């Protein structure tokens, strides 16, 4: 795998991983390498420096900690940090939803329908539904809205 710092025609800088330099060239040739901020497929490699750790620092640094990005063009944020105003706004909405409602997972459609029909007490919930379940809820007048994020998955 190889990581390139790329820049689009609108001067947006971003990093992307590719299987090889040949894979990058092929994707670039068919317009499949695009800016995540504006969607422009007119991208090019930015000036980059290799991530080289001097031997004296390597011995004192923990092995599993990756070195910070050394791209010359801009200071990079961690991948988990919002990269734009839109991502920050979505993160705020997600935090609000998670703190003020109950996650019911894949039983969202059943729970929402039961509340709408008066079978169970109404409470703020959120969860996951298949497209056909969501369409059925909307057609039946159940007030639902899609959220612009997915649940946080726990990893081992």
Protein backbone atom coordinates (compact mmCIF):
# COMPACT_ATOMS: atom_id res chain seq x y z
CA UNK A 1 0.00 0.00 0.00
CA UNK A 2 1.13 3.53 -0.74
CA UNK A 3 -0.23 6.82 0.57
CA UNK A 4 -0.25 9.93 -1.57
CA UNK A 5 -1.06 13.46 -0.55
CA UNK A 6 -3.24 14.76 -3.37
CA UNK A 7 -4.54 18.19 -4.33
CA UNK A 8 -7.52 18.99 -6.56
CA UNK A 9 -7.99 21.85 -8.99
CA UNK A 10 -9.77 23.79 -6.19
CA UNK A 11 -6.65 23.54 -4.00
CA UNK A 12 -8.19 21.03 -1.54
CA UNK A 13 -5.50 18.82 -0.03
CA UNK A 14 -6.24 15.23 1.05
CA UNK A 15 -4.53 11.88 1.56
CA UNK A 16 -5.49 8.62 -0.12
CA UNK A 17 -4.15 5.07 -0.07
CA UNK A 18 -3.54 3.01 -3.20
CA UNK A 19 -2.46 -0.58 -3.80
CA UNK A 20 0.49 0.64 -5.85
CA UNK A 21 1.68 3.60 -7.90
CA UNK A 22 0.38 1.80 -11.00
CA UNK A 23 -3.06 1.45 -9.39
CA UNK A 24 -3.06 5.21 -8.69
CA UNK A 25 -2.14 5.99 -12.31
CA UNK A 26 -4.90 3.71 -13.63
CA UNK A 27 -7.54 5.25 -11.34
CA UNK A 28 -6.38 8.75 -12.24
CA UNK A 29 -6.56 7.96 -15.97
CA UNK A 30 -10.22 6.88 -15.77
CA UNK A 31 -11.26 9.74 -13.44
CA UNK A 32 -11.79 7.52 -10.40
CA UNK A 33 -9.50 9.51 -8.09
CA UNK A 34 -11.67 12.37 -6.82
CA UNK A 35 -11.53 15.06 -4.16
CA UNK A 36 -13.68 14.12 -1.14
CA UNK A 37 -14.51 17.80 -0.51
CA UNK A 38 -15.68 18.98 -3.93
CA UNK A 39 -15.80 15.81 -6.05
CA UNK A 40 -13.37 17.11 -8.67
CA UNK A 41 -11.57 14.33 -10.54
CA UNK A 42 -8.83 16.75 -11.63
CA UNK A 43 -6.33 15.75 -8.94
CA UNK A 44 -2.55 15.60 -8.82
CA UNK A 45 0.09 14.49 -6.36
CA UNK A 46 1.26 17.15 -3.91
CA UNK A 47 4.78 17.64 -2.69
CA UNK A 48 5.40 14.95 -0.08
CA UNK A 49 8.25 13.88 2.16
CA UNK A 50 8.84 10.27 3.10
CA UNK A 51 8.01 9.21 6.64
CA UNK A 52 11.49 8.35 7.86
CA UNK A 53 12.14 7.88 11.56
CA UNK A 54 15.74 8.36 12.68
CA UNK A 55 17.15 5.32 14.51
CA UNK A 56 17.57 7.25 17.78
CA UNK A 57 13.87 8.23 17.83
CA UNK A 58 12.71 4.81 16.69
CA UNK A 59 14.24 3.13 19.75
CA UNK A 60 12.44 5.44 22.20
CA UNK A 61 9.06 5.58 20.42
CA UNK A 62 6.48 2.80 20.90
CA UNK A 63 6.44 0.52 17.85
CA UNK A 64 2.67 0.59 17.33
CA UNK A 65 2.40 4.40 17.26
CA UNK A 66 2.43 5.60 13.64
CA UNK A 67 4.47 8.71 12.93
CA UNK A 68 2.50 11.91 12.29
CA UNK A 69 1.86 13.01 8.73
CA UNK A 70 4.77 14.90 7.28
CA UNK A 71 3.06 16.41 4.26
CA UNK A 72 4.71 19.70 3.41
CA UNK A 73 1.57 21.43 2.15
CA UNK A 74 -0.67 21.38 5.23
CA UNK A 75 -0.85 20.13 8.80
CA UNK A 76 -3.07 17.00 8.81
CA UNK A 77 -5.66 16.19 11.46
CA UNK A 78 -6.13 12.64 12.73
CA UNK A 79 -8.48 10.60 10.53
CA UNK A 80 -10.96 10.39 13.41
CA UNK A 81 -11.21 14.20 13.65
CA UNK A 82 -13.74 16.06 11.47
CA UNK A 83 -11.95 17.28 8.33
CA UNK A 84 -14.49 19.95 7.34
CA UNK A 85 -17.29 22.14 8.71
CA UNK A 86 -19.86 19.65 7.37
CA UNK A 87 -18.20 16.73 9.15
CA UNK A 88 -18.04 18.76 12.37
CA UNK A 89 -21.75 19.58 12.10
CA UNK A 90 -22.61 15.91 11.55
CA UNK A 91 -20.47 14.98 14.57
CA UNK A 92 -22.42 17.48 16.71
CA UNK A 93 -25.76 16.07 15.47
CA UNK A 94 -24.55 12.53 16.20
CA UNK A 95 -23.50 13.45 19.74
CA UNK A 96 -26.88 15.12 20.35
CA UNK A 97 -28.84 12.12 19.04
CA UNK A 98 -26.75 9.61 20.99
CA UNK A 99 -27.06 11.51 24.26
CA UNK A 100 -30.80 12.24 24.02
CA UNK A 101 -32.27 9.06 22.56
CA UNK A 102 -32.09 5.29 22.81
CA UNK A 103 -30.35 3.21 20.16
CA UNK A 104 -32.62 0.28 19.28
CA UNK A 105 -30.48 -1.14 16.47
CA UNK A 106 -32.09 -3.19 13.75
CA UNK A 107 -35.44 -3.28 15.57
CA UNK A 108 -35.98 0.43 14.78
CA UNK A 109 -38.83 -0.14 12.31
CA UNK A 110 -40.74 -2.40 14.74
CA UNK A 111 -40.23 -0.01 17.67
CA UNK A 112 -41.24 3.07 15.67
CA UNK A 113 -44.37 1.35 14.32
CA UNK A 114 -45.35 0.10 17.80
CA UNK A 115 -45.03 3.64 19.23
CA UNK A 116 -46.99 5.11 16.33
CA UNK A 117 -49.77 2.53 16.81
CA UNK A 118 -49.87 3.18 20.57
CA UNK A 119 -48.75 -0.33 21.52
CA UNK A 120 -45.80 0.97 23.56
CA UNK A 121 -44.94 4.29 25.24
CA UNK A 122 -43.44 6.99 23.04
CA UNK A 123 -39.76 7.76 23.61
CA UNK A 124 -36.93 9.17 21.48
CA UNK A 125 -35.23 6.33 19.59
CA UNK A 126 -32.85 5.86 16.72
CA UNK A 127 -31.57 2.82 14.91
CA UNK A 128 -31.24 1.05 11.61
CA UNK A 129 -33.86 0.09 9.04
CA UNK A 130 -33.74 -1.50 5.64
CA UNK A 131 -34.81 0.80 2.78
CA UNK A 132 -38.09 -1.07 2.27
CA UNK A 133 -38.86 -0.83 6.02
CA UNK A 134 -38.20 2.93 6.02
CA UNK A 135 -40.38 3.40 2.93
CA UNK A 136 -43.21 1.44 4.57
CA UNK A 137 -42.98 3.57 7.74
CA UNK A 138 -43.16 6.78 5.71
CA UNK A 139 -46.09 5.50 3.63
CA UNK A 140 -47.95 4.62 6.84
CA UNK A 141 -47.41 8.12 8.28
CA UNK A 142 -44.85 7.17 10.92
CA UNK A 143 -42.65 10.25 11.46
CA UNK A 144 -39.08 9.15 10.68
CA UNK A 145 -36.06 10.87 9.21
CA UNK A 146 -32.78 9.44 7.89
CA UNK A 147 -29.68 10.39 9.85
CA UNK A 148 -26.44 11.44 8.11
CA UNK A 149 -24.29 9.02 10.10
CA UNK A 150 -23.98 5.37 11.11
CA UNK A 151 -23.76 3.97 14.62
CA UNK A 152 -20.33 3.75 16.17
CA UNK A 153 -19.21 0.15 15.89
CA UNK A 154 -17.13 -1.31 18.67
CA UNK A 155 -14.02 -3.17 17.56
CA UNK A 156 -11.96 -5.71 19.43
